[in-house]
All heavy atoms as atom14 arrays in JSON, in Angstrom:
{
  "sequence": "PSLLLDHLHRAGLHDVVSVTPAEGGVAALAGIATRRQ",
  "atom14_mask": [
    [1, 1, 1, 1, 1, 1, 1, 0, 0, 0, 0, 0, 0, 0],
    [1, 1, 1, 1, 1, 1, 0, 0, 0, 0, 0, 0, 0, 0],
    [1, 1, 1, 1, 1, 1, 1, 1, 0, 0, 0, 0, 0, 0],
    [1, 1, 1, 1, 1, 1, 1, 1, 0, 0, 0, 0, 0, 0],
    [1, 1, 1, 1, 1, 1, 1, 1, 0, 0, 0, 0, 0, 0],
    [1, 1, 1, 1, 1, 1, 1, 1, 0, 0, 0, 0, 0, 0],
    [1, 1, 1, 1, 1, 1, 1, 1, 1, 1, 0, 0, 0, 0],
    [1, 1, 1, 1, 1, 1, 1, 1, 0, 0, 0, 0, 0, 0],
    [1, 1, 1, 1, 1, 1, 1, 1, 1, 1, 0, 0, 0, 0],
    [1, 1, 1, 1, 1, 1, 1, 1, 1, 1, 1, 0, 0, 0],
    [1, 1, 1, 1, 1, 0, 0, 0, 0, 0, 0, 0, 0, 0],
    [1, 1, 1, 1, 0, 0, 0, 0, 0, 0, 0, 0, 0, 0],
    [1, 1, 1, 1, 1, 1, 1, 1, 0, 0, 0, 0, 0, 0],
    [1, 1, 1, 1, 1, 1, 1, 1, 1, 1, 0, 0, 0, 0],
    [1, 1, 1, 1, 1, 1, 1, 1, 0, 0, 0, 0, 0, 0],
    [1, 1, 1, 1, 1, 1, 1, 0, 0, 0, 0, 0, 0, 0],
    [1, 1, 1, 1, 1, 1, 1, 0, 0, 0, 0, 0, 0, 0],
    [1, 1, 1, 1, 1, 1, 0, 0, 0, 0, 0, 0, 0, 0],
    [1, 1, 1, 1, 1, 1, 1, 0, 0, 0, 0, 0, 0, 0],
    [1, 1, 1, 1, 1, 1, 1, 0, 0, 0, 0, 0, 0, 0],
    [1, 1, 1, 1, 1, 1, 1, 0, 0, 0, 0, 0, 0, 0],
    [1, 1, 1, 1, 1, 0, 0, 0, 0, 0, 0, 0, 0, 0],
    [1, 1, 1, 1, 1, 1, 1, 1, 1, 0, 0, 0, 0, 0],
    [1, 1, 1, 1, 0, 0, 0, 0, 0, 0, 0, 0, 0, 0],
    [1, 1, 1, 1, 0, 0, 0, 0, 0, 0, 0, 0, 0, 0],
    [1, 1, 1, 1, 1, 1, 1, 0, 0, 0, 0, 0, 0, 0],
    [1, 1, 1, 1, 1, 0, 0, 0, 0, 0, 0, 0, 0, 0],
    [1, 1, 1, 1, 1, 0, 0, 0, 0, 0, 0, 0, 0, 0],
    [1, 1, 1, 1, 1, 1, 1, 1, 0, 0, 0, 0, 0, 0],
    [1, 1, 1, 1, 1, 0, 0, 0, 0, 0, 0, 0, 0, 0],
    [1, 1, 1, 1, 0, 0, 0, 0, 0, 0, 0, 0, 0, 0],
    [1, 1, 1, 1, 1, 1, 1, 1, 0, 0, 0, 0, 0, 0],
    [1, 1, 1, 1, 1, 0, 0, 0, 0, 0, 0, 0, 0, 0],
    [1, 1, 1, 1, 1, 1, 1, 0, 0, 0, 0, 0, 0, 0],
    [1, 1, 1, 1, 1, 1, 1, 1, 1, 1, 1, 0, 0, 0],
    [1, 1, 1, 1, 1, 1, 1, 1, 1, 1, 1, 0, 0, 0],
    [1, 1, 1, 1, 1, 1, 1, 1, 1, 0, 0, 0, 0, 0]
  ],
  "atom14_positions": [
    [[6.95, -1.02, 0.81], [5.71, -1.34, 1.52], [5.39, -0.32, 2.62], [4.23, 0.08, 2.78], [5.96, -2.73, 2.1], [6.98, -3.34, 1.21], [7.86, -2.18, 0.81], [0.0, 0.0, 0.0], [0.0, 0.0, 0.0], [0.0, 0.0, 0.0], [0.0, 0.0, 0.0], [0.0, 0.0, 0.0], [0.0, 0.0, 0.0], [0.0, 0.0, 0.0]],
    [[6.41, 0.13, 3.35], [6.19, 1.12, 4.41], [5.72, 2.44, 3.83], [4.82, 3.08, 4.37], [7.46, 1.33, 5.22], [7.82, 0.15, 5.88], [0.0, 0.0, 0.0], [0.0, 0.0, 0.0], [0.0, 0.0, 0.0], [0.0, 0.0, 0.0], [0.0, 0.0, 0.0], [0.0, 0.0, 0.0], [0.0, 0.0, 0.0], [0.0, 0.0, 0.0]],
    [[6.34, 2.86, 2.73], [5.96, 4.11, 2.08], [4.51, 4.04, 1.59], [3.72, 4.95, 1.81], [6.9, 4.42, 0.91], [6.59, 5.71, 0.16], [6.95, 6.92, 1.0], [7.32, 5.74, -1.16], [0.0, 0.0, 0.0], [0.0, 0.0, 0.0], [0.0, 0.0, 0.0], [0.0, 0.0, 0.0], [0.0, 0.0, 0.0], [0.0, 0.0, 0.0]],
    [[4.15, 2.93, 0.94], [2.79, 2.77, 0.44], [1.79, 2.73, 1.6], [0.72, 3.36, 1.52], [2.68, 1.51, -0.41], [3.45, 1.54, -1.73], [3.48, 0.16, -2.37], [2.86, 2.57, -2.68], [0.0, 0.0, 0.0], [0.0, 0.0, 0.0], [0.0, 0.0, 0.0], [0.0, 0.0, 0.0], [0.0, 0.0, 0.0], [0.0, 0.0, 0.0]],
    [[2.11, 2.04, 2.67], [1.23, 1.97, 3.83], [1.03, 3.36, 4.42], [-0.09, 3.75, 4.77], [1.82, 1.01, 4.87], [0.96, 0.67, 6.08], [-0.35, 0.01, 5.66], [1.72, -0.22, 7.04], [0.0, 0.0, 0.0], [0.0, 0.0, 0.0], [0.0, 0.0, 0.0], [0.0, 0.0, 0.0], [0.0, 0.0, 0.0], [0.0, 0.0, 0.0]],
    [[2.1, 4.13, 4.51], [2.01, 5.5, 5.01], [1.09, 6.35, 4.13], [0.23, 7.07, 4.63], [3.41, 6.12, 5.08], [3.39, 7.51, 5.66], [2.88, 7.69, 6.79], [3.89, 8.44, 4.98], [0.0, 0.0, 0.0], [0.0, 0.0, 0.0], [0.0, 0.0, 0.0], [0.0, 0.0, 0.0], [0.0, 0.0, 0.0], [0.0, 0.0, 0.0]],
    [[1.24, 6.25, 2.81], [0.38, 7.01, 1.89], [-1.09, 6.59, 2.05], [-1.98, 7.44, 2.03], [0.81, 6.78, 0.45], [2.0, 7.58, 0.02], [2.05, 8.95, 0.04], [3.21, 7.18, -0.45], [3.21, 9.38, -0.4], [3.94, 8.31, -0.7], [0.0, 0.0, 0.0], [0.0, 0.0, 0.0], [0.0, 0.0, 0.0], [0.0, 0.0, 0.0]],
    [[-1.33, 5.3, 2.2], [-2.7, 4.8, 2.37], [-3.33, 5.35, 3.64], [-4.48, 5.81, 3.63], [-2.72, 3.27, 2.39], [-2.48, 2.61, 1.05], [-2.12, 1.14, 1.24], [-3.71, 2.74, 0.16], [0.0, 0.0, 0.0], [0.0, 0.0, 0.0], [0.0, 0.0, 0.0], [0.0, 0.0, 0.0], [0.0, 0.0, 0.0], [0.0, 0.0, 0.0]],
    [[-2.61, 5.33, 4.72], [-3.13, 5.83, 5.99], [-3.4, 7.33, 5.91], [-4.44, 7.81, 6.39], [-2.19, 5.5, 7.14], [-2.19, 4.05, 7.49], [-1.28, 3.5, 8.36], [-2.97, 3.01, 7.09], [-1.52, 2.21, 8.5], [-2.53, 1.88, 7.72], [0.0, 0.0, 0.0], [0.0, 0.0, 0.0], [0.0, 0.0, 0.0], [0.0, 0.0, 0.0]],
    [[-2.48, 8.08, 5.26], [-2.71, 9.53, 5.12], [-3.9, 9.83, 4.23], [-4.53, 10.87, 4.37], [-1.45, 10.22, 4.59], [-0.42, 10.42, 5.69], [0.72, 11.31, 5.27], [1.64, 10.53, 4.43], [2.25, 11.0, 3.37], [2.05, 12.23, 2.97], [3.05, 10.23, 2.67], [0.0, 0.0, 0.0], [0.0, 0.0, 0.0], [0.0, 0.0, 0.0]],
    [[-4.22, 8.91, 3.3], [-5.38, 9.1, 2.41], [-6.68, 8.66, 3.07], [-7.74, 8.78, 2.47], [-5.16, 8.33, 1.11], [0.0, 0.0, 0.0], [0.0, 0.0, 0.0], [0.0, 0.0, 0.0], [0.0, 0.0, 0.0], [0.0, 0.0, 0.0], [0.0, 0.0, 0.0], [0.0, 0.0, 0.0], [0.0, 0.0, 0.0], [0.0, 0.0, 0.0]],
    [[-6.59, 8.14, 4.31], [-7.8, 7.78, 5.03], [-8.15, 6.3, 5.03], [-9.16, 5.91, 5.6], [0.0, 0.0, 0.0], [0.0, 0.0, 0.0], [0.0, 0.0, 0.0], [0.0, 0.0, 0.0], [0.0, 0.0, 0.0], [0.0, 0.0, 0.0], [0.0, 0.0, 0.0], [0.0, 0.0, 0.0], [0.0, 0.0, 0.0], [0.0, 0.0, 0.0]],
    [[-7.33, 5.47, 4.43], [-7.58, 4.03, 4.44], [-6.85, 3.43, 5.65], [-5.8, 2.82, 5.54], [-7.11, 3.38, 3.13], [-8.11, 3.53, 1.99], [-7.89, 4.85, 1.29], [-7.99, 2.39, 1.04], [0.0, 0.0, 0.0], [0.0, 0.0, 0.0], [0.0, 0.0, 0.0], [0.0, 0.0, 0.0], [0.0, 0.0, 0.0], [0.0, 0.0, 0.0]],
    [[-7.45, 3.61, 6.83], [-6.82, 3.21, 8.08], [-6.96, 1.73, 8.38], [-6.33, 1.23, 9.32], [-7.39, 4.04, 9.24], [-7.16, 5.5, 9.06], [-5.91, 6.07, 9.18], [-8.01, 6.5, 8.73], [-6.0, 7.37, 8.95], [-7.26, 7.66, 8.68], [0.0, 0.0, 0.0], [0.0, 0.0, 0.0], [0.0, 0.0, 0.0], [0.0, 0.0, 0.0]],
    [[-7.78, 1.01, 7.58], [-7.94, -0.42, 7.83], [-6.92, -1.27, 7.08], [-6.94, -2.49, 7.15], [-9.36, -0.88, 7.48], [-9.68, -0.8, 6.0], [-9.05, 0.0, 5.29], [-10.56, -1.55, 5.56], [0.0, 0.0, 0.0], [0.0, 0.0, 0.0], [0.0, 0.0, 0.0], [0.0, 0.0, 0.0], [0.0, 0.0, 0.0], [0.0, 0.0, 0.0]],
    [[-5.98, -0.64, 6.38], [-4.93, -1.39, 5.68], [-3.9, -1.83, 6.72], [-3.39, -1.02, 7.49], [-4.26, -0.54, 4.58], [-3.08, -1.28, 3.97], [-5.28, -0.17, 3.51], [0.0, 0.0, 0.0], [0.0, 0.0, 0.0], [0.0, 0.0, 0.0], [0.0, 0.0, 0.0], [0.0, 0.0, 0.0], [0.0, 0.0, 0.0], [0.0, 0.0, 0.0]],
    [[-3.6, -3.14, 6.72], [-2.67, -3.68, 7.71], [-1.31, -4.06, 7.12], [-0.33, -4.14, 7.84], [-3.28, -4.89, 8.44], [-4.46, -4.45, 9.29], [-3.68, -5.98, 7.48], [0.0, 0.0, 0.0], [0.0, 0.0, 0.0], [0.0, 0.0, 0.0], [0.0, 0.0, 0.0], [0.0, 0.0, 0.0], [0.0, 0.0, 0.0], [0.0, 0.0, 0.0]],
    [[-1.27, -4.3, 5.81], [0.02, -4.64, 5.19], [-0.05, -4.38, 3.7], [-1.13, -4.3, 3.11], [0.39, -6.1, 5.45], [-0.51, -6.96, 4.8], [0.0, 0.0, 0.0], [0.0, 0.0, 0.0], [0.0, 0.0, 0.0], [0.0, 0.0, 0.0], [0.0, 0.0, 0.0], [0.0, 0.0, 0.0], [0.0, 0.0, 0.0], [0.0, 0.0, 0.0]],
    [[1.14, -4.27, 3.1], [1.26, -4.09, 1.65], [2.33, -5.05, 1.15], [3.45, -5.08, 1.67], [1.64, -2.64, 1.28], [1.81, -2.51, -0.22], [0.6, -1.65, 1.79], [0.0, 0.0, 0.0], [0.0, 0.0, 0.0], [0.0, 0.0, 0.0], [0.0, 0.0, 0.0], [0.0, 0.0, 0.0], [0.0, 0.0, 0.0], [0.0, 0.0, 0.0]],
    [[1.97, -5.82, 0.13], [2.91, -6.72, -0.53], [3.33, -6.06, -1.84], [2.47, -5.71, -2.65], [2.24, -8.08, -0.83], [1.78, -8.64, 0.4], [3.22, -9.03, -1.49], [0.0, 0.0, 0.0], [0.0, 0.0, 0.0], [0.0, 0.0, 0.0], [0.0, 0.0, 0.0], [0.0, 0.0, 0.0], [0.0, 0.0, 0.0], [0.0, 0.0, 0.0]],
    [[4.63, -5.86, -2.05], [5.08, -5.19, -3.27], [4.63, -5.92, -4.54], [4.58, -7.15, -4.57], [6.6, -5.21, -3.16], [6.89, -5.42, -1.72], [5.75, -6.24, -1.19], [0.0, 0.0, 0.0], [0.0, 0.0, 0.0], [0.0, 0.0, 0.0], [0.0, 0.0, 0.0], [0.0, 0.0, 0.0], [0.0, 0.0, 0.0], [0.0, 0.0, 0.0]],
    [[4.31, -5.14, -5.56], [3.98, -5.68, -6.88], [5.16, -5.37, -7.8], [5.8, -4.34, -7.66], [2.7, -5.04, -7.41], [0.0, 0.0, 0.0], [0.0, 0.0, 0.0], [0.0, 0.0, 0.0], [0.0, 0.0, 0.0], [0.0, 0.0, 0.0], [0.0, 0.0, 0.0], [0.0, 0.0, 0.0], [0.0, 0.0, 0.0], [0.0, 0.0, 0.0]],
    [[5.41, -6.26, -8.71], [6.52, -6.08, -9.63], [6.01, -5.66, -11.0], [4.85, -5.87, -11.33], [7.31, -7.37, -9.76], [7.97, -7.79, -8.47], [8.78, -9.05, -8.61], [9.05, -9.47, -9.75], [9.14, -9.62, -7.57], [0.0, 0.0, 0.0], [0.0, 0.0, 0.0], [0.0, 0.0, 0.0], [0.0, 0.0, 0.0], [0.0, 0.0, 0.0]],
    [[6.89, -5.07, -11.79], [6.56, -4.76, -13.17], [6.29, -3.3, -13.45], [6.17, -2.92, -14.6], [0.0, 0.0, 0.0], [0.0, 0.0, 0.0], [0.0, 0.0, 0.0], [0.0, 0.0, 0.0], [0.0, 0.0, 0.0], [0.0, 0.0, 0.0], [0.0, 0.0, 0.0], [0.0, 0.0, 0.0], [0.0, 0.0, 0.0], [0.0, 0.0, 0.0]],
    [[6.19, -2.47, -12.44], [5.96, -1.06, -12.68], [7.2, -0.39, -13.25], [8.32, -0.83, -13.03], [0.0, 0.0, 0.0], [0.0, 0.0, 0.0], [0.0, 0.0, 0.0], [0.0, 0.0, 0.0], [0.0, 0.0, 0.0], [0.0, 0.0, 0.0], [0.0, 0.0, 0.0], [0.0, 0.0, 0.0], [0.0, 0.0, 0.0], [0.0, 0.0, 0.0]],
    [[6.99, 0.69, -13.97], [8.11, 1.41, -14.58], [8.56, 2.56, -13.69], [9.75, 2.7, -13.41], [7.72, 1.92, -15.99], [8.82, 2.77, -16.57], [7.37, 0.76, -16.89], [0.0, 0.0, 0.0], [0.0, 0.0, 0.0], [0.0, 0.0, 0.0], [0.0, 0.0, 0.0], [0.0, 0.0, 0.0], [0.0, 0.0, 0.0], [0.0, 0.0, 0.0]],
    [[7.65, 3.38, -13.24], [8.03, 4.57, -12.5], [7.54, 4.59, -11.06], [8.23, 5.07, -10.17], [7.51, 5.82, -13.23], [0.0, 0.0, 0.0], [0.0, 0.0, 0.0], [0.0, 0.0, 0.0], [0.0, 0.0, 0.0], [0.0, 0.0, 0.0], [0.0, 0.0, 0.0], [0.0, 0.0, 0.0], [0.0, 0.0, 0.0], [0.0, 0.0, 0.0]],
    [[6.35, 4.07, -10.82], [5.74, 4.15, -9.49], [6.05, 2.92, -8.65], [6.33, 1.85, -9.17], [4.23, 4.31, -9.62], [0.0, 0.0, 0.0], [0.0, 0.0, 0.0], [0.0, 0.0, 0.0], [0.0, 0.0, 0.0], [0.0, 0.0, 0.0], [0.0, 0.0, 0.0], [0.0, 0.0, 0.0], [0.0, 0.0, 0.0], [0.0, 0.0, 0.0]],
    [[6.0, 3.1, -7.35], [6.0, 1.97, -6.43], [4.59, 1.43, -6.41], [3.61, 2.19, -6.46], [6.39, 2.43, -5.02], [7.75, 3.12, -4.87], [7.9, 3.67, -3.47], [8.86, 2.14, -5.19], [0.0, 0.0, 0.0], [0.0, 0.0, 0.0], [0.0, 0.0, 0.0], [0.0, 0.0, 0.0], [0.0, 0.0, 0.0], [0.0, 0.0, 0.0]],
    [[4.43, 0.12, -6.3], [3.08, -0.45, -6.32], [3.02, -1.67, -5.43], [4.03, -2.31, -5.14], [2.7, -0.82, -7.75], [0.0, 0.0, 0.0], [0.0, 0.0, 0.0], [0.0, 0.0, 0.0], [0.0, 0.0, 0.0], [0.0, 0.0, 0.0], [0.0, 0.0, 0.0], [0.0, 0.0, 0.0], [0.0, 0.0, 0.0], [0.0, 0.0, 0.0]],
    [[1.81, -1.99, -4.98], [1.62, -3.16, -4.15], [0.16, -3.5, -4.0], [-0.73, -2.77, -4.42], [0.0, 0.0, 0.0], [0.0, 0.0, 0.0], [0.0, 0.0, 0.0], [0.0, 0.0, 0.0], [0.0, 0.0, 0.0], [0.0, 0.0, 0.0], [0.0, 0.0, 0.0], [0.0, 0.0, 0.0], [0.0, 0.0, 0.0], [0.0, 0.0, 0.0]],
    [[-0.06, -4.66, -3.39], [-1.41, -5.11, -3.04], [-1.56, -4.91, -1.54], [-0.77, -5.45, -0.75], [-1.64, -6.59, -3.41], [-1.39, -6.82, -4.9], [-3.04, -7.03, -3.0], [-2.35, -6.11, -5.82], [0.0, 0.0, 0.0], [0.0, 0.0, 0.0], [0.0, 0.0, 0.0], [0.0, 0.0, 0.0], [0.0, 0.0, 0.0], [0.0, 0.0, 0.0]],
    [[-2.55, -4.14, -1.14], [-2.78, -3.83, 0.27], [-3.86, -4.74, 0.84], [-4.92, -4.89, 0.25], [-3.2, -2.36, 0.41], [0.0, 0.0, 0.0], [0.0, 0.0, 0.0], [0.0, 0.0, 0.0], [0.0, 0.0, 0.0], [0.0, 0.0, 0.0], [0.0, 0.0, 0.0], [0.0, 0.0, 0.0], [0.0, 0.0, 0.0], [0.0, 0.0, 0.0]],
    [[-3.55, -5.32, 1.99], [-4.5, -6.16, 2.71], [-5.21, -5.29, 3.74], [-4.56, -4.54, 4.48], [-3.76, -7.31, 3.42], [-3.07, -8.07, 2.43], [-4.72, -8.21, 4.17], [0.0, 0.0, 0.0], [0.0, 0.0, 0.0], [0.0, 0.0, 0.0], [0.0, 0.0, 0.0], [0.0, 0.0, 0.0], [0.0, 0.0, 0.0], [0.0, 0.0, 0.0]],
    [[-6.54, -5.43, 3.78], [-7.35, -4.61, 4.68], [-8.03, -5.49, 5.74], [-8.3, -6.65, 5.5], [-8.42, -3.88, 3.87], [-7.81, -3.03, 2.77], [-8.84, -2.52, 1.81], [-9.59, -1.44, 2.45], [-10.63, -0.84, 1.87], [-11.06, -1.22, 0.7], [-11.24, 0.13, 2.49], [0.0, 0.0, 0.0], [0.0, 0.0, 0.0], [0.0, 0.0, 0.0]],
    [[-8.28, -4.89, 6.91], [-9.03, -5.61, 7.94], [-10.46, -5.83, 7.51], [-11.05, -6.87, 7.79], [-9.03, -4.81, 9.25], [-7.84, -5.07, 10.13], [-8.04, -4.57, 11.54], [-7.89, -3.27, 11.96], [-7.01, -2.28, 11.71], [-6.26, -2.3, 11.04], [-6.88, -1.16, 12.14], [0.0, 0.0, 0.0], [0.0, 0.0, 0.0], [0.0, 0.0, 0.0]],
    [[-11.01, -4.83, 6.86], [-12.39, -4.91, 6.39], [-12.38, -4.56, 4.91], [-11.88, -3.52, 4.52], [-13.28, -3.92, 7.14], [-13.3, -4.15, 8.62], [-13.99, -3.01, 9.36], [-14.25, -1.96, 8.81], [-14.28, -3.24, 10.62], [0.0, 0.0, 0.0], [0.0, 0.0, 0.0], [0.0, 0.0, 0.0], [0.0, 0.0, 0.0], [0.0, 0.0, 0.0]]
  ]
}
């Protein structure tokens, strides 16, 4: 979740406040990101 949040912020999505991990991926880390707006 921290890694994904860091990537999101670096990509310009600064309103993301948290990431909940998603399961089932094969190679990538994945999650659902909660945004303020």
